[in-house]
Every structure is written in structure tokens, then in C-alpha cells.
Amino acid sequence: MHGNAHSISLLCELMRVSRSSYYDRFERVSVTSSQSEITRKLIAAFHFHKRRYGTRRLVSELADDGIQVGRQTVRTILADHGLRAIQPKSFVPKTTRTHPNLRRSPNLLLEREPARAPDEIYVSVIKYKTVTSSTL
């Protein structure tokens, strides 16, 4: 910059710009030049984790690499490149754990006498709740 030949204060005074504005602009130029590096690392981390990481995890991932960036910046970069994290499927536990070599139980109701019309067969489930002394 011109700081070597003249003082920053004098240059800012001549251009009628505050010194804080000069330094703000000076720092912004360096941030913009590193923006492409942040974008490259962000997209690489996004694809490395198979599109499963959202903004919170990606911010943490970049922080581990020493890059401080906010969630909104990550959200904007991902949106600009058309990237969106995959929503994981919800976990649904199986109610029974059967041995893999055992067969499933047959549907005895339909094997004996199939339904011939609607509202002909009704099925219900009864669930019991065990009451313990701690729940009373």
C-alpha cells in the first residue's frame, strides 16, 4: 500500500476517509482472497462426509482445520453451489429379535378363511403396561 511513502493518517485525511474505514477495507480484501480457499475446503468436507454434514457440523469441521467461519456463511456457500445435506432416515427399532435361521410365523387368519368382503374380519391388539412401585 501507500503507507511506506506517506502516513496513513495523512492519506485518509486527504481522501476524506476515516482510518477505521481504510483498515476495514484493507482487511476485507484479504478475507475475500481467502474466501475461495474456504469454499474449496468447505465443499471438500461436505463431499468427504457423503453429504451428511449440515451447517453446524461443517462449521465445527472447518474450526478443527483452523478456519473460523459462521453458520450463515456456510449456509450461503452451500446454497450458492446448490448443495444440501441429506436428511438421515429416522431410526425405527424392531420389536422382535428373531434368530436369522428361523422362519416367520404364518398368517393363520388369512390361511384358514380369507376375507370375502370389507368389514368381515376384525383384529385388535391388547397391550399391557407393567406397573411398578416407582410409577405409583
Protein backbone atom coordinates (compact mmCIF):
# COMPACT_ATOMS: atom_id res chain seq x y z
CA MET A 1 0.00 0.00 0.00
CA HIS A 2 1.00 3.68 0.11
CA GLY A 3 1.79 3.56 3.81
CA ASN A 4 5.53 3.48 3.15
CA ALA A 5 5.79 6.87 1.41
CA HIS A 6 3.12 8.78 3.40
CA SER A 7 1.38 8.26 6.69
CA ILE A 8 -1.97 6.51 6.65
CA SER A 9 -3.48 9.38 8.64
CA LEU A 10 -2.45 11.92 6.01
CA LEU A 11 -3.76 9.81 3.10
CA CYS A 12 -7.08 9.21 4.85
CA GLU A 13 -7.40 12.91 5.65
CA LEU A 14 -6.75 13.87 2.02
CA MET A 15 -9.31 11.36 0.72
CA ARG A 16 -11.77 12.26 3.49
CA VAL A 17 -11.99 8.69 4.71
CA SER A 18 -11.72 7.59 8.33
CA ARG A 19 -8.72 5.47 9.28
CA SER A 20 -11.01 2.73 10.56
CA SER A 21 -12.67 2.55 7.12
CA TYR A 22 -9.26 2.24 5.48
CA TYR A 23 -8.21 -0.62 7.76
CA ASP A 24 -11.61 -2.27 7.42
CA ARG A 25 -11.29 -2.25 3.63
CA PHE A 26 -7.69 -3.42 3.83
CA GLU A 27 -8.69 -6.43 5.95
CA ARG A 28 -11.74 -7.16 3.78
CA VAL A 29 -9.53 -7.60 0.69
CA SER A 30 -7.52 -10.30 2.44
CA VAL A 31 -10.71 -12.04 3.58
CA THR A 32 -12.11 -12.03 0.04
CA SER A 33 -8.97 -13.58 -1.36
CA SER A 34 -9.17 -16.41 1.19
CA GLN A 35 -12.91 -16.89 0.52
CA SER A 36 -12.21 -19.21 -2.41
CA GLU A 37 -9.97 -21.32 -0.16
CA ILE A 38 -12.71 -21.53 2.47
CA THR A 39 -15.23 -22.50 -0.22
CA ARG A 40 -12.92 -25.19 -1.60
CA LYS A 41 -12.31 -26.71 1.86
CA LEU A 42 -16.00 -26.49 2.76
CA ILE A 43 -17.12 -28.32 -0.37
CA ALA A 44 -14.37 -30.92 0.10
CA ALA A 45 -15.52 -31.57 3.70
CA PHE A 46 -19.15 -31.72 2.57
CA HIS A 47 -18.42 -34.42 -0.01
CA PHE A 48 -15.93 -36.24 2.26
CA HIS A 49 -18.74 -36.84 4.74
CA LYS A 50 -21.03 -38.06 1.95
CA ARG A 51 -23.37 -35.04 2.09
CA ARG A 52 -24.44 -35.98 5.64
CA TYR A 53 -23.00 -32.93 7.45
CA GLY A 54 -25.16 -29.84 7.83
CA THR A 55 -24.03 -26.32 8.69
CA ARG A 56 -23.36 -26.98 12.38
CA ARG A 57 -21.11 -29.95 11.74
CA LEU A 58 -19.35 -28.24 8.84
CA VAL A 59 -18.59 -25.17 10.97
CA SER A 60 -17.08 -27.49 13.58
CA GLU A 61 -15.16 -29.40 10.89
CA LEU A 62 -13.66 -26.19 9.50
CA ALA A 63 -12.84 -24.97 13.02
CA ASP A 64 -10.83 -28.16 13.53
CA ASP A 65 -8.81 -27.14 10.46
CA GLY A 66 -8.27 -23.67 11.94
CA ILE A 67 -10.84 -21.84 9.79
CA GLN A 68 -13.27 -19.67 11.74
CA VAL A 69 -16.46 -19.22 9.76
CA GLY A 70 -20.09 -18.70 10.80
CA ARG A 71 -23.10 -20.89 10.07
CA GLN A 72 -24.71 -18.28 7.85
CA THR A 73 -21.57 -18.11 5.69
CA VAL A 74 -21.53 -21.90 5.38
CA ARG A 75 -25.26 -21.88 4.55
CA THR A 76 -24.73 -19.22 1.87
CA ILE A 77 -21.79 -21.04 0.26
CA LEU A 78 -23.70 -24.33 0.17
CA ALA A 79 -26.77 -22.63 -1.33
CA ASP A 80 -24.65 -20.84 -3.96
CA HIS A 81 -23.27 -24.19 -5.10
CA GLY A 82 -26.65 -25.97 -4.93
CA LEU A 83 -25.54 -28.30 -2.13
CA ARG A 84 -27.90 -29.58 0.52
CA ALA A 85 -27.28 -32.11 3.29
CA ILE A 86 -29.15 -35.40 3.17
CA GLN A 87 -31.68 -35.89 5.95
CA PRO A 88 -30.96 -39.24 7.62
CA LYS A 89 -33.77 -41.72 7.87
CA SER A 90 -35.34 -41.94 11.29
CA PHE A 91 -34.41 -44.98 13.35
CA VAL A 92 -37.28 -47.42 13.84
CA PRO A 93 -36.39 -50.22 16.24
CA LYS A 94 -37.61 -53.71 15.53
CA THR A 95 -39.98 -55.02 18.17
CA THR A 96 -38.78 -58.59 17.99
CA ARG A 97 -35.33 -60.02 17.63
CA THR A 98 -35.56 -63.33 15.88
CA HIS A 99 -32.81 -65.72 15.03
CA PRO A 100 -31.85 -65.31 11.35
CA ASN A 101 -32.34 -69.04 10.65
CA LEU A 102 -35.90 -69.12 11.96
CA ARG A 103 -38.85 -68.59 9.65
CA ARG A 104 -41.57 -66.04 10.17
CA SER A 105 -44.82 -67.15 11.70
CA PRO A 106 -47.54 -67.68 9.10
CA ASN A 107 -50.66 -65.52 9.00
CA LEU A 108 -53.10 -68.13 10.27
CA LEU A 109 -56.14 -65.91 9.93
CA LEU A 110 -55.82 -65.46 6.18
CA GLU A 111 -54.72 -69.04 5.56
CA ARG A 112 -57.80 -70.54 7.21
CA GLU A 113 -60.54 -68.38 5.79
CA PRO A 114 -59.75 -65.34 3.64
CA ALA A 115 -62.00 -62.30 3.87
CA ARG A 116 -64.62 -62.15 1.14
CA ALA A 117 -65.93 -58.63 1.78
CA PRO A 118 -64.98 -55.48 3.68
CA ASP A 119 -65.78 -55.34 7.41
CA GLU A 120 -65.86 -59.10 7.66
CA ILE A 121 -62.77 -59.70 9.85
CA TYR A 122 -61.62 -57.51 12.72
CA VAL A 123 -58.31 -57.74 14.57
CA SER A 124 -57.27 -55.97 17.76
CA VAL A 125 -54.14 -55.66 19.83
CA ILE A 126 -54.09 -55.65 23.60
CA LYS A 127 -51.11 -54.09 25.31
CA TYR A 128 -50.39 -54.41 28.99
CA LYS A 129 -48.39 -51.90 30.96
CA THR A 130 -46.42 -53.18 33.89
CA VAL A 131 -46.91 -51.02 36.96
CA THR A 132 -44.01 -50.77 39.35
CA SER A 133 -43.82 -49.15 42.73
CA SER A 134 -41.78 -46.25 41.32
CA THR A 135 -44.58 -45.26 38.88
CA LEU A 136 -47.31 -45.17 41.55
